């Protein structure tokens, strides 16, 4: 899984449903990147690739097909087992993409991919920089610092922290100071959530050069 020429950024979260799909859509749009969700668990709403295409406006050829599309909205290992399958790491090799690639992980870092492998183990094999998406609400300090510690423990480069939600300056400062990580910015609540509104919010609250 380590031979590649991809210019990639991995987007992961401190937990599920922290806003990493919305952030990944904004980042992919801003970079003019290809988006890839290697493992999709839960297909009721079409999956995250469909959501990213809607929010980013990326053409179909810049949405790289998932390696696994699993029906059950559960941890990847369980969703695969429900279909009598097991996720193979060979199928998670980085695609050979010209230009930037934004990869969205499944759930948080410690989500099992199969009975032997965690999502963070896949990131470790890729050796790509990681953006950690963290909510600003109660509990984020603990979840964020644990995630930073796990990434550091495997020597995975952390590009920085992208916060999502209402402004909570003390929590944000505590995480970046105690985690010794860079604050990339904060994506506020966006209503209505459209491509134009998302792109405007990203441009206002993040610096594109921090991702290049």
N, C-alpha and C. Protein backbone atom coordinates (compact mmCIF):
# COMPACT_ATOMS: atom_id res chain seq x y z
N UNK A 1 0.81 -1.21 0.00
CA UNK A 1 0.00 0.00 0.00
C UNK A 1 0.85 1.27 0.00
N UNK A 2 2.17 1.17 -0.06
CA UNK A 2 2.99 2.35 0.16
C UNK A 2 3.55 2.96 -1.12
N UNK A 3 3.49 2.28 -2.26
CA UNK A 3 4.04 2.82 -3.49
C UNK A 3 2.99 3.66 -4.21
N UNK A 4 3.27 4.95 -4.34
CA UNK A 4 2.30 5.82 -4.98
C UNK A 4 2.96 7.14 -5.36
N UNK A 5 2.30 7.92 -6.21
CA UNK A 5 2.75 9.27 -6.51
C UNK A 5 1.62 10.27 -6.26
N UNK A 6 0.71 9.87 -5.44
CA UNK A 6 -0.47 10.68 -5.16
C UNK A 6 -0.13 11.82 -4.20
N UNK A 7 -0.62 13.02 -4.52
CA UNK A 7 -0.55 14.15 -3.60
C UNK A 7 -1.83 14.11 -2.78
N UNK A 8 -1.79 13.44 -1.66
CA UNK A 8 -3.03 13.19 -0.94
C UNK A 8 -3.10 13.85 0.42
N UNK A 9 -4.33 14.12 0.83
CA UNK A 9 -4.64 14.57 2.18
C UNK A 9 -5.75 13.68 2.70
N UNK A 10 -5.56 13.13 3.89
CA UNK A 10 -6.57 12.31 4.53
C UNK A 10 -7.40 13.17 5.48
N UNK A 11 -8.71 13.08 5.35
CA UNK A 11 -9.62 13.79 6.26
C UNK A 11 -10.25 12.74 7.17
N UNK A 12 -9.98 12.87 8.45
CA UNK A 12 -10.56 11.97 9.43
C UNK A 12 -11.22 12.79 10.53
N UNK A 13 -11.97 12.14 11.39
CA UNK A 13 -12.68 12.84 12.43
C UNK A 13 -12.40 12.28 13.81
N UNK A 14 -12.71 13.06 14.82
CA UNK A 14 -12.55 12.60 16.18
C UNK A 14 -13.64 11.61 16.55
N UNK A 15 -14.68 11.53 15.73
CA UNK A 15 -15.81 10.63 15.98
C UNK A 15 -16.63 10.60 14.69
N UNK A 16 -17.67 9.80 14.66
CA UNK A 16 -18.55 9.80 13.50
C UNK A 16 -19.47 11.03 13.56
N UNK A 17 -19.89 11.49 12.39
CA UNK A 17 -20.82 12.62 12.29
C UNK A 17 -20.30 13.91 12.90
N UNK A 18 -18.99 14.16 12.75
CA UNK A 18 -18.45 15.43 13.26
C UNK A 18 -18.43 16.50 12.18
N UNK A 19 -18.73 16.13 10.94
CA UNK A 19 -18.74 17.10 9.87
C UNK A 19 -17.63 16.92 8.86
N UNK A 20 -16.97 15.76 8.88
CA UNK A 20 -15.82 15.58 7.99
C UNK A 20 -16.22 15.47 6.52
N UNK A 21 -17.42 14.97 6.22
CA UNK A 21 -17.84 14.90 4.82
C UNK A 21 -18.05 16.29 4.25
N UNK A 22 -18.69 17.16 5.01
CA UNK A 22 -18.89 18.54 4.56
C UNK A 22 -17.54 19.24 4.40
N UNK A 23 -16.66 19.04 5.37
CA UNK A 23 -15.34 19.65 5.26
C UNK A 23 -14.57 19.09 4.06
N UNK A 24 -14.63 17.78 3.86
CA UNK A 24 -13.92 17.17 2.73
C UNK A 24 -14.44 17.71 1.41
N UNK A 25 -15.75 17.94 1.32
CA UNK A 25 -16.33 18.51 0.10
C UNK A 25 -15.79 19.91 -0.15
N UNK A 26 -15.73 20.71 0.91
CA UNK A 26 -15.21 22.07 0.77
C UNK A 26 -13.74 22.07 0.37
N UNK A 27 -12.97 21.19 0.98
CA UNK A 27 -11.54 21.12 0.69
C UNK A 27 -11.29 20.65 -0.74
N UNK A 28 -12.00 19.61 -1.15
CA UNK A 28 -11.83 19.08 -2.51
C UNK A 28 -12.21 20.13 -3.55
N UNK A 29 -13.27 20.86 -3.28
CA UNK A 29 -13.71 21.92 -4.19
C UNK A 29 -12.65 23.01 -4.28
N UNK A 30 -12.14 23.45 -3.13
CA UNK A 30 -11.16 24.54 -3.10
C UNK A 30 -9.85 24.15 -3.78
N UNK A 31 -9.44 22.90 -3.63
CA UNK A 31 -8.18 22.43 -4.21
C UNK A 31 -8.32 21.98 -5.65
N UNK A 32 -9.56 21.84 -6.13
CA UNK A 32 -9.76 21.24 -7.44
C UNK A 32 -9.28 19.80 -7.45
N UNK A 33 -9.56 19.10 -6.36
CA UNK A 33 -9.02 17.76 -6.13
C UNK A 33 -9.97 16.67 -6.61
N UNK A 34 -9.46 15.45 -6.58
CA UNK A 34 -10.29 14.25 -6.70
C UNK A 34 -10.65 13.81 -5.29
N UNK A 35 -11.88 13.37 -5.10
CA UNK A 35 -12.36 12.90 -3.79
C UNK A 35 -12.47 11.38 -3.81
N UNK A 36 -12.07 10.76 -2.69
CA UNK A 36 -12.18 9.31 -2.58
C UNK A 36 -12.60 8.92 -1.18
N UNK A 37 -13.69 8.18 -1.09
CA UNK A 37 -14.15 7.57 0.17
C UNK A 37 -13.92 6.07 -0.01
N UNK A 38 -12.81 5.51 0.50
CA UNK A 38 -12.49 4.11 0.23
C UNK A 38 -13.55 3.12 0.71
N UNK A 39 -14.12 3.39 1.89
CA UNK A 39 -15.11 2.48 2.46
C UNK A 39 -16.36 3.26 2.82
N UNK A 40 -17.47 2.90 2.20
CA UNK A 40 -18.75 3.53 2.52
C UNK A 40 -19.65 2.51 3.19
N UNK A 41 -20.01 2.80 4.44
CA UNK A 41 -20.96 1.96 5.18
C UNK A 41 -22.26 2.73 5.32
N UNK A 42 -23.35 2.16 4.82
CA UNK A 42 -24.64 2.83 4.87
C UNK A 42 -24.92 3.55 3.56
N UNK A 43 -25.95 3.11 2.86
CA UNK A 43 -26.22 3.65 1.52
C UNK A 43 -27.62 4.25 1.40
N UNK A 44 -28.29 4.47 2.53
CA UNK A 44 -29.67 4.94 2.47
C UNK A 44 -29.81 6.25 1.72
N UNK A 45 -28.87 7.16 1.91
CA UNK A 45 -28.97 8.48 1.28
C UNK A 45 -28.04 8.62 0.08
N UNK A 46 -27.53 7.51 -0.42
CA UNK A 46 -26.63 7.55 -1.56
C UNK A 46 -25.17 7.54 -1.19
N UNK A 47 -24.86 7.76 0.07
CA UNK A 47 -23.48 7.71 0.52
C UNK A 47 -22.79 9.07 0.47
N UNK A 48 -21.60 9.11 1.05
CA UNK A 48 -20.87 10.36 1.16
C UNK A 48 -20.36 10.88 -0.18
N UNK A 49 -20.04 9.98 -1.11
CA UNK A 49 -19.57 10.44 -2.42
C UNK A 49 -20.63 11.28 -3.12
N UNK A 50 -21.89 10.84 -3.03
CA UNK A 50 -22.98 11.60 -3.64
C UNK A 50 -23.14 12.95 -2.94
N UNK A 51 -22.98 12.97 -1.64
CA UNK A 51 -23.10 14.22 -0.88
C UNK A 51 -21.97 15.18 -1.25
N UNK A 52 -20.77 14.64 -1.37
CA UNK A 52 -19.63 15.48 -1.73
C UNK A 52 -19.79 16.05 -3.14
N UNK A 53 -20.28 15.23 -4.05
CA UNK A 53 -20.50 15.73 -5.41
C UNK A 53 -21.50 16.88 -5.41
N UNK A 54 -22.56 16.75 -4.60
CA UNK A 54 -23.57 17.79 -4.51
C UNK A 54 -23.00 19.08 -3.93
N UNK A 55 -22.17 18.95 -2.88
CA UNK A 55 -21.69 20.13 -2.16
C UNK A 55 -20.43 20.73 -2.78
N UNK A 56 -19.74 19.98 -3.61
CA UNK A 56 -18.49 20.47 -4.19
C UNK A 56 -18.62 20.84 -5.66
N UNK A 57 -19.60 20.24 -6.33
CA UNK A 57 -19.71 20.45 -7.76
C UNK A 57 -18.66 19.74 -8.57
N UNK A 58 -17.94 18.81 -7.96
CA UNK A 58 -16.92 18.07 -8.69
C UNK A 58 -17.56 17.25 -9.80
N UNK A 59 -16.93 17.17 -10.96
CA UNK A 59 -17.48 16.33 -12.04
C UNK A 59 -17.36 14.86 -11.67
N UNK A 60 -18.14 13.99 -12.31
CA UNK A 60 -18.13 12.57 -11.96
C UNK A 60 -16.74 11.92 -12.01
N UNK A 61 -15.90 12.37 -12.95
CA UNK A 61 -14.59 11.74 -13.07
C UNK A 61 -13.63 12.16 -11.97
N UNK A 62 -14.07 13.10 -11.11
CA UNK A 62 -13.24 13.47 -9.97
C UNK A 62 -13.81 12.95 -8.65
N UNK A 63 -14.77 12.05 -8.75
CA UNK A 63 -15.23 11.29 -7.59
C UNK A 63 -14.75 9.86 -7.82
N UNK A 64 -13.68 9.50 -7.15
CA UNK A 64 -13.09 8.17 -7.36
C UNK A 64 -14.00 7.11 -6.74
N UNK A 65 -14.27 6.02 -7.42
CA UNK A 65 -15.20 5.01 -6.89
C UNK A 65 -14.72 4.41 -5.56
N UNK A 66 -15.65 4.14 -4.69
CA UNK A 66 -15.33 3.49 -3.42
C UNK A 66 -14.77 2.09 -3.67
N UNK A 67 -13.86 1.68 -2.83
CA UNK A 67 -13.38 0.30 -2.89
C UNK A 67 -14.45 -0.64 -2.35
N UNK A 68 -15.22 -0.16 -1.37
CA UNK A 68 -16.29 -0.97 -0.77
C UNK A 68 -17.51 -0.08 -0.55
N UNK A 69 -18.66 -0.56 -1.04
CA UNK A 69 -19.95 0.07 -0.77
C UNK A 69 -20.79 -0.94 0.00
N UNK A 70 -21.02 -0.67 1.26
CA UNK A 70 -21.67 -1.61 2.16
C UNK A 70 -22.99 -1.04 2.65
N UNK A 71 -24.03 -1.85 2.68
CA UNK A 71 -25.38 -1.36 2.96
C UNK A 71 -25.59 -0.98 4.42
N UNK A 72 -25.08 -1.77 5.34
CA UNK A 72 -25.37 -1.55 6.76
C UNK A 72 -24.65 -0.30 7.29
N UNK A 73 -25.37 0.63 7.93
CA UNK A 73 -24.72 1.80 8.53
C UNK A 73 -24.06 1.42 9.86
N UNK A 74 -22.89 0.84 9.76
CA UNK A 74 -22.19 0.34 10.93
C UNK A 74 -20.69 0.45 10.68
N UNK A 75 -19.91 0.05 11.68
CA UNK A 75 -18.46 -0.01 11.51
C UNK A 75 -18.13 -0.85 10.27
N UNK A 76 -17.11 -0.47 9.49
CA UNK A 76 -16.81 -1.20 8.25
C UNK A 76 -16.68 -2.71 8.42
N UNK A 77 -16.04 -3.15 9.48
CA UNK A 77 -15.86 -4.59 9.66
C UNK A 77 -17.20 -5.29 9.81
N UNK A 78 -18.12 -4.67 10.56
CA UNK A 78 -19.42 -5.28 10.80
C UNK A 78 -20.29 -5.18 9.55
N UNK A 79 -20.23 -4.05 8.86
CA UNK A 79 -21.03 -3.89 7.64
C UNK A 79 -20.60 -4.90 6.58
N UNK A 80 -19.30 -5.15 6.50
CA UNK A 80 -18.81 -6.14 5.54
C UNK A 80 -19.24 -7.55 5.93
N UNK A 81 -19.12 -7.87 7.21
CA UNK A 81 -19.51 -9.20 7.67
C UNK A 81 -20.99 -9.47 7.44
N UNK A 82 -21.81 -8.43 7.54
CA UNK A 82 -23.24 -8.60 7.31
C UNK A 82 -23.54 -9.04 5.88
N UNK A 83 -22.60 -8.79 4.98
CA UNK A 83 -22.75 -9.21 3.58
C UNK A 83 -21.88 -10.41 3.25
N UNK A 84 -21.33 -11.03 4.30
CA UNK A 84 -20.48 -12.21 4.08
C UNK A 84 -19.15 -11.87 3.44
N UNK A 85 -18.66 -10.67 3.70
CA UNK A 85 -17.42 -10.22 3.10
C UNK A 85 -16.41 -9.84 4.17
N UNK A 86 -15.17 -9.68 3.75
CA UNK A 86 -14.12 -9.13 4.62
C UNK A 86 -13.33 -8.12 3.81
N UNK A 87 -13.08 -6.98 4.40
CA UNK A 87 -12.36 -5.92 3.70
C UNK A 87 -10.89 -6.31 3.58
N UNK A 88 -10.39 -6.26 2.36
CA UNK A 88 -9.00 -6.60 2.07
C UNK A 88 -8.18 -5.32 1.98
N UNK A 89 -7.04 -5.30 2.65
CA UNK A 89 -6.19 -4.12 2.61
C UNK A 89 -5.64 -3.87 1.22
N UNK A 90 -5.49 -4.91 0.43
CA UNK A 90 -5.00 -4.74 -0.94
C UNK A 90 -5.93 -3.87 -1.76
N UNK A 91 -7.23 -3.90 -1.44
CA UNK A 91 -8.21 -3.09 -2.16
C UNK A 91 -8.20 -1.63 -1.70
N UNK A 92 -7.43 -1.35 -0.66
CA UNK A 92 -7.35 0.01 -0.13
C UNK A 92 -6.05 0.70 -0.53
N UNK A 93 -5.35 0.15 -1.51
CA UNK A 93 -4.14 0.79 -2.02
C UNK A 93 -4.50 2.14 -2.61
N UNK A 94 -3.62 3.11 -2.43
CA UNK A 94 -3.88 4.45 -2.95
C UNK A 94 -4.01 4.43 -4.47
N UNK A 95 -5.03 5.09 -4.99
CA UNK A 95 -5.16 5.17 -6.45
C UNK A 95 -4.08 6.07 -7.03
N UNK A 96 -3.70 5.80 -8.25
CA UNK A 96 -2.69 6.60 -8.93
C UNK A 96 -3.38 7.78 -9.59
N UNK A 97 -3.39 8.91 -8.89
CA UNK A 97 -4.16 10.08 -9.32
C UNK A 97 -3.21 11.21 -9.68
N UNK A 98 -3.45 11.86 -10.79
CA UNK A 98 -2.72 13.08 -11.12
C UNK A 98 -3.38 14.25 -10.38
N UNK A 99 -2.57 15.02 -9.67
CA UNK A 99 -3.12 16.15 -8.94
C UNK A 99 -3.53 15.77 -7.53
N UNK A 100 -4.12 16.71 -6.81
CA UNK A 100 -4.46 16.47 -5.41
C UNK A 100 -5.60 15.47 -5.24
N UNK A 101 -5.54 14.76 -4.14
CA UNK A 101 -6.55 13.77 -3.78
C UNK A 101 -6.97 13.99 -2.33
N UNK A 102 -8.26 14.12 -2.09
CA UNK A 102 -8.80 14.23 -0.74
C UNK A 102 -9.47 12.91 -0.40
N UNK A 103 -8.98 12.26 0.64
CA UNK A 103 -9.47 10.95 1.05
C UNK A 103 -10.23 11.10 2.36
N UNK A 104 -11.45 10.61 2.40
CA UNK A 104 -12.24 10.66 3.64
C UNK A 104 -12.28 9.29 4.28
N UNK A 105 -11.84 9.22 5.52
CA UNK A 105 -11.88 7.97 6.26
C UNK A 105 -13.30 7.63 6.71
N UNK A 106 -13.44 6.42 7.23
CA UNK A 106 -14.73 5.96 7.74
C UNK A 106 -14.74 6.09 9.26
N UNK A 107 -15.65 6.90 9.79
CA UNK A 107 -15.74 7.06 11.23
C UNK A 107 -14.50 7.71 11.81
N UNK A 108 -14.10 7.26 13.00
CA UNK A 108 -12.91 7.78 13.65
C UNK A 108 -11.70 6.90 13.42
N UNK A 109 -10.63 7.22 14.12
CA UNK A 109 -9.36 6.53 13.90
C UNK A 109 -9.38 5.07 14.32
N UNK A 110 -10.09 4.76 15.37
CA UNK A 110 -10.05 3.41 15.92
C UNK A 110 -11.19 2.53 15.43
N UNK A 111 -11.81 2.91 14.32
CA UNK A 111 -12.86 2.10 13.73
C UNK A 111 -12.23 0.87 13.07
N UNK A 112 -12.72 -0.33 13.36
CA UNK A 112 -12.15 -1.53 12.72
C UNK A 112 -12.52 -1.62 11.24
N UNK A 113 -11.51 -1.88 10.42
CA UNK A 113 -11.71 -2.15 9.00
C UNK A 113 -12.03 -3.62 8.80
N UNK A 114 -11.29 -4.46 9.49
CA UNK A 114 -11.60 -5.89 9.59
C UNK A 114 -11.22 -6.31 11.00
N UNK A 115 -11.19 -7.59 11.27
CA UNK A 115 -10.96 -8.04 12.64
C UNK A 115 -9.50 -7.90 13.09
N UNK A 116 -8.64 -7.50 12.16
CA UNK A 116 -7.23 -7.34 12.50
C UNK A 116 -6.73 -5.90 12.35
N UNK A 117 -7.48 -5.07 11.68
CA UNK A 117 -6.96 -3.77 11.26
C UNK A 117 -7.91 -2.64 11.60
N UNK A 118 -7.34 -1.54 12.09
CA UNK A 118 -8.09 -0.33 12.38
C UNK A 118 -7.89 0.68 11.26
N UNK A 119 -8.78 1.66 11.18
CA UNK A 119 -8.65 2.71 10.17
C UNK A 119 -7.30 3.41 10.28
N UNK A 120 -6.84 3.64 11.49
CA UNK A 120 -5.58 4.33 11.69
C UNK A 120 -4.40 3.51 11.14
N UNK A 121 -4.53 2.20 11.12
CA UNK A 121 -3.47 1.36 10.54
C UNK A 121 -3.37 1.57 9.04
N UNK A 122 -4.50 1.77 8.40
CA UNK A 122 -4.51 2.07 6.96
C UNK A 122 -3.84 3.42 6.71
N UNK A 123 -4.17 4.42 7.54
CA UNK A 123 -3.54 5.73 7.40
C UNK A 123 -2.03 5.63 7.58
N UNK A 124 -1.62 4.82 8.53
CA UNK A 124 -0.19 4.65 8.79
C UNK A 124 0.52 4.08 7.57
N UNK A 125 -0.12 3.14 6.89
CA UNK A 125 0.49 2.56 5.68
C UNK A 125 0.57 3.57 4.55
N UNK A 126 -0.41 4.46 4.46
CA UNK A 126 -0.42 5.45 3.39
C UNK A 126 0.65 6.52 3.57
N UNK A 127 0.96 6.88 4.80
CA UNK A 127 1.94 7.92 5.10
C UNK A 127 1.58 9.28 4.51
N UNK A 128 0.32 9.59 4.44
CA UNK A 128 -0.14 10.89 3.94
C UNK A 128 -0.49 11.80 5.12
N UNK A 129 -0.39 13.10 4.94
CA UNK A 129 -0.78 14.02 6.02
C UNK A 129 -2.27 13.96 6.30
N UNK A 130 -2.61 14.14 7.55
CA UNK A 130 -3.99 13.99 8.03
C UNK A 130 -4.53 15.33 8.53
N UNK A 131 -5.74 15.64 8.12
CA UNK A 131 -6.50 16.73 8.74
C UNK A 131 -7.48 16.09 9.71
N UNK A 132 -7.41 16.49 10.96
CA UNK A 132 -8.32 15.97 11.98
C UNK A 132 -9.49 16.95 12.14
N UNK A 133 -10.69 16.49 11.81
CA UNK A 133 -11.89 17.31 11.94
C UNK A 133 -12.48 17.09 13.34
N UNK A 134 -12.67 18.17 14.06
CA UNK A 134 -13.15 18.09 15.44
C UNK A 134 -14.34 19.02 15.63
N UNK A 135 -15.36 18.53 16.31
CA UNK A 135 -16.48 19.41 16.66
C UNK A 135 -16.04 20.36 17.76
N UNK A 136 -16.80 21.41 17.96
CA UNK A 136 -16.46 22.36 19.02
C UNK A 136 -17.31 22.16 20.27
N UNK A 137 -18.24 21.24 20.23
CA UNK A 137 -19.16 21.05 21.35
C UNK A 137 -18.52 20.27 22.49
N UNK A 138 -19.27 20.10 23.56
CA UNK A 138 -18.78 19.45 24.77
C UNK A 138 -18.21 18.07 24.48
N UNK A 139 -17.05 17.78 25.04
CA UNK A 139 -16.40 16.49 24.85
C UNK A 139 -15.29 16.52 23.82
N UNK A 140 -15.20 17.62 23.08
CA UNK A 140 -14.23 17.65 21.98
C UNK A 140 -12.79 17.64 22.45
N UNK A 141 -12.50 18.22 23.61
CA UNK A 141 -11.11 18.25 24.07
C UNK A 141 -10.60 16.83 24.27
N UNK A 142 -11.35 16.02 24.98
CA UNK A 142 -10.94 14.63 25.22
C UNK A 142 -10.79 13.85 23.92
N UNK A 143 -11.80 13.91 23.07
CA UNK A 143 -11.76 13.16 21.81
C UNK A 143 -10.63 13.63 20.91
N UNK A 144 -10.41 14.92 20.87
CA UNK A 144 -9.39 15.47 19.99
C UNK A 144 -7.99 15.12 20.48
N UNK A 145 -7.74 15.28 21.77
CA UNK A 145 -6.40 14.99 22.28
C UNK A 145 -6.09 13.50 22.20
N UNK A 146 -7.09 12.64 22.41
CA UNK A 146 -6.88 11.20 22.23
C UNK A 146 -6.54 10.88 20.77
N UNK A 147 -7.22 11.53 19.84
CA UNK A 147 -6.96 11.29 18.43
C UNK A 147 -5.57 11.77 18.04
N UNK A 148 -5.18 12.94 18.52
CA UNK A 148 -3.84 13.45 18.24
C UNK A 148 -2.79 12.51 18.80
N UNK A 149 -3.00 12.03 20.01
CA UNK A 149 -2.03 11.12 20.62
C UNK A 149 -1.92 9.83 19.81
N UNK A 150 -3.04 9.32 19.33
CA UNK A 150 -3.02 8.09 18.53
C UNK A 150 -2.25 8.30 17.23
N UNK A 151 -2.48 9.42 16.56
CA UNK A 151 -1.77 9.72 15.32
C UNK A 151 -0.28 9.87 15.56
N UNK A 152 0.07 10.60 16.61
CA UNK A 152 1.48 10.78 16.94
C UNK A 152 2.15 9.45 17.28
N UNK A 153 1.40 8.57 17.95
CA UNK A 153 1.95 7.29 18.35
C UNK A 153 2.33 6.40 17.17
N UNK A 154 1.72 6.65 16.02
CA UNK A 154 2.04 5.90 14.80
C UNK A 154 2.84 6.73 13.81
N UNK A 155 3.31 7.88 14.27
CA UNK A 155 4.13 8.76 13.43
C UNK A 155 3.42 9.17 12.14
N UNK A 156 2.12 9.39 12.24
CA UNK A 156 1.34 9.86 11.09
C UNK A 156 1.36 11.38 11.10
N UNK A 157 1.78 12.00 10.03
CA UNK A 157 1.87 13.48 10.03
C UNK A 157 0.49 14.13 10.14
N UNK A 158 0.37 15.08 11.03
CA UNK A 158 -0.88 15.81 11.24
C UNK A 158 -0.74 17.18 10.58
N UNK A 159 -1.53 17.41 9.55
CA UNK A 159 -1.50 18.71 8.88
C UNK A 159 -2.08 19.78 9.79
N UNK A 160 -3.10 19.43 10.55
CA UNK A 160 -3.69 20.37 11.48
C UNK A 160 -5.10 19.97 11.87
N UNK A 161 -5.73 20.83 12.66
CA UNK A 161 -7.07 20.58 13.17
C UNK A 161 -8.05 21.52 12.46
N UNK A 162 -9.12 20.96 11.93
CA UNK A 162 -10.20 21.75 11.34
C UNK A 162 -11.42 21.60 12.25
N UNK A 163 -11.83 22.68 12.87
CA UNK A 163 -12.98 22.64 13.76
C UNK A 163 -14.27 22.86 12.96
N UNK A 164 -15.34 22.28 13.46
CA UNK A 164 -16.65 22.43 12.83
C UNK A 164 -17.66 22.75 13.92
N UNK A 165 -18.40 23.84 13.74
CA UNK A 165 -19.44 24.20 14.71
C UNK A 165 -19.31 25.63 15.18
N UNK A 166 -20.04 25.95 16.23
CA UNK A 166 -20.00 27.29 16.80
C UNK A 166 -18.63 27.59 17.41
N UNK A 167 -18.27 28.83 17.44
CA UNK A 167 -16.98 29.23 17.99
C UNK A 167 -16.93 28.97 19.50
N UNK A 168 -15.90 28.22 19.93
CA UNK A 168 -15.64 27.99 21.36
C UNK A 168 -14.13 28.20 21.54
N UNK A 169 -13.69 29.44 21.69
CA UNK A 169 -12.26 29.76 21.66
C UNK A 169 -11.41 28.98 22.65
N UNK A 170 -11.91 28.79 23.87
CA UNK A 170 -11.08 28.11 24.86
C UNK A 170 -10.85 26.65 24.48
N UNK A 171 -11.88 25.96 24.05
CA UNK A 171 -11.72 24.56 23.66
C UNK A 171 -10.77 24.43 22.47
N UNK A 172 -10.93 25.31 21.49
CA UNK A 172 -10.06 25.26 20.32
C UNK A 172 -8.61 25.52 20.70
N UNK A 173 -8.39 26.54 21.52
CA UNK A 173 -7.03 26.87 21.94
C UNK A 173 -6.43 25.75 22.79
N UNK A 174 -7.22 25.17 23.66
CA UNK A 174 -6.72 24.09 24.51
C UNK A 174 -6.26 22.90 23.67
N UNK A 175 -7.05 22.55 22.66
CA UNK A 175 -6.71 21.39 21.81
C UNK A 175 -5.42 21.64 21.05
N UNK A 176 -5.29 22.80 20.41
CA UNK A 176 -4.09 23.02 19.60
C UNK A 176 -2.85 23.22 20.49
N UNK A 177 -3.03 23.85 21.65
CA UNK A 177 -1.88 24.05 22.54
C UNK A 177 -1.42 22.75 23.18
N UNK A 178 -2.35 22.02 23.78
CA UNK A 178 -1.97 20.79 24.48
C UNK A 178 -1.66 19.66 23.51
N UNK A 179 -2.25 19.71 22.31
CA UNK A 179 -1.95 18.70 21.31
C UNK A 179 -0.79 19.07 20.42
N UNK A 180 -0.25 20.30 20.61
CA UNK A 180 0.87 20.77 19.80
C UNK A 180 0.56 20.60 18.31
N UNK A 181 -0.62 21.07 17.93
CA UNK A 181 -1.09 20.92 16.55
C UNK A 181 -1.49 22.29 16.01
N UNK A 182 -1.50 22.40 14.71
CA UNK A 182 -1.87 23.66 14.06
C UNK A 182 -3.39 23.78 13.92
N UNK A 183 -3.90 24.95 14.22
CA UNK A 183 -5.32 25.25 13.99
C UNK A 183 -5.46 25.71 12.55
N UNK A 184 -6.16 24.92 11.74
CA UNK A 184 -6.34 25.28 10.34
C UNK A 184 -7.47 26.28 10.15
N UNK A 185 -8.48 26.20 11.00
CA UNK A 185 -9.63 27.08 10.89
C UNK A 185 -10.86 26.42 11.48
N UNK A 186 -11.98 27.10 11.31
CA UNK A 186 -13.24 26.56 11.83
C UNK A 186 -14.34 26.79 10.82
N UNK A 187 -15.04 25.73 10.47
CA UNK A 187 -16.18 25.81 9.57
C UNK A 187 -17.43 26.04 10.42
N UNK A 188 -18.08 27.20 10.29
CA UNK A 188 -19.25 27.47 11.11
C UNK A 188 -20.47 26.71 10.61
N UNK A 189 -21.55 26.80 11.36
CA UNK A 189 -22.82 26.25 10.89
C UNK A 189 -23.25 27.02 9.64
N UNK A 190 -23.72 26.30 8.63
CA UNK A 190 -24.07 26.92 7.36
C UNK A 190 -25.52 26.58 7.03
N UNK A 191 -26.32 27.60 6.86
CA UNK A 191 -27.73 27.39 6.53
C UNK A 191 -28.18 28.47 5.54
N UNK A 192 -28.69 28.04 4.39
CA UNK A 192 -28.78 26.64 3.95
C UNK A 192 -27.43 26.14 3.49
N UNK A 193 -27.23 24.83 3.60
CA UNK A 193 -25.96 24.23 3.21
C UNK A 193 -25.98 23.95 1.71
N UNK A 194 -25.37 24.86 0.96
CA UNK A 194 -25.26 24.74 -0.48
C UNK A 194 -23.79 24.82 -0.88
N UNK A 195 -23.51 24.48 -2.13
CA UNK A 195 -22.12 24.56 -2.59
C UNK A 195 -21.59 25.98 -2.45
N UNK A 196 -22.35 26.97 -2.89
CA UNK A 196 -21.87 28.34 -2.86
C UNK A 196 -21.64 28.82 -1.43
N UNK A 197 -22.57 28.51 -0.53
CA UNK A 197 -22.40 28.93 0.86
C UNK A 197 -21.24 28.22 1.53
N UNK A 198 -21.06 26.94 1.20
CA UNK A 198 -19.95 26.19 1.78
C UNK A 198 -18.62 26.73 1.27
N UNK A 199 -18.52 26.98 -0.02
CA UNK A 199 -17.28 27.50 -0.59
C UNK A 199 -16.94 28.86 0.00
N UNK A 200 -17.94 29.69 0.20
CA UNK A 200 -17.71 31.02 0.77
C UNK A 200 -17.21 30.91 2.21
N UNK A 201 -17.83 30.02 2.99
CA UNK A 201 -17.43 29.84 4.38
C UNK A 201 -16.01 29.29 4.48
N UNK A 202 -15.68 28.35 3.60
CA UNK A 202 -14.33 27.78 3.61
C UNK A 202 -13.31 28.85 3.27
N UNK A 203 -13.58 29.66 2.25
CA UNK A 203 -12.65 30.70 1.84
C UNK A 203 -12.46 31.75 2.93
N UNK A 204 -13.51 31.99 3.70
CA UNK A 204 -13.44 32.99 4.76
C UNK A 204 -12.67 32.50 5.98
N UNK A 205 -12.77 31.22 6.28
CA UNK A 205 -12.24 30.71 7.56
C UNK A 205 -10.99 29.85 7.43
N UNK A 206 -10.57 29.52 6.21
CA UNK A 206 -9.36 28.71 6.02
C UNK A 206 -8.46 29.36 4.98
N UNK A 207 -7.17 29.07 5.08
CA UNK A 207 -6.21 29.53 4.09
C UNK A 207 -5.81 28.35 3.20
N UNK A 208 -6.03 28.48 1.92
CA UNK A 208 -5.78 27.37 1.01
C UNK A 208 -4.32 26.96 1.01
N UNK A 209 -3.42 27.90 1.23
CA UNK A 209 -1.99 27.56 1.24
C UNK A 209 -1.61 26.59 2.36
N UNK A 210 -2.42 26.52 3.40
CA UNK A 210 -2.14 25.57 4.49
C UNK A 210 -2.34 24.12 4.06
N UNK A 211 -2.99 23.91 2.93
CA UNK A 211 -3.29 22.56 2.47
C UNK A 211 -2.43 22.17 1.26
N UNK A 212 -1.45 23.00 0.91
CA UNK A 212 -0.63 22.71 -0.26
C UNK A 212 0.81 22.47 0.14
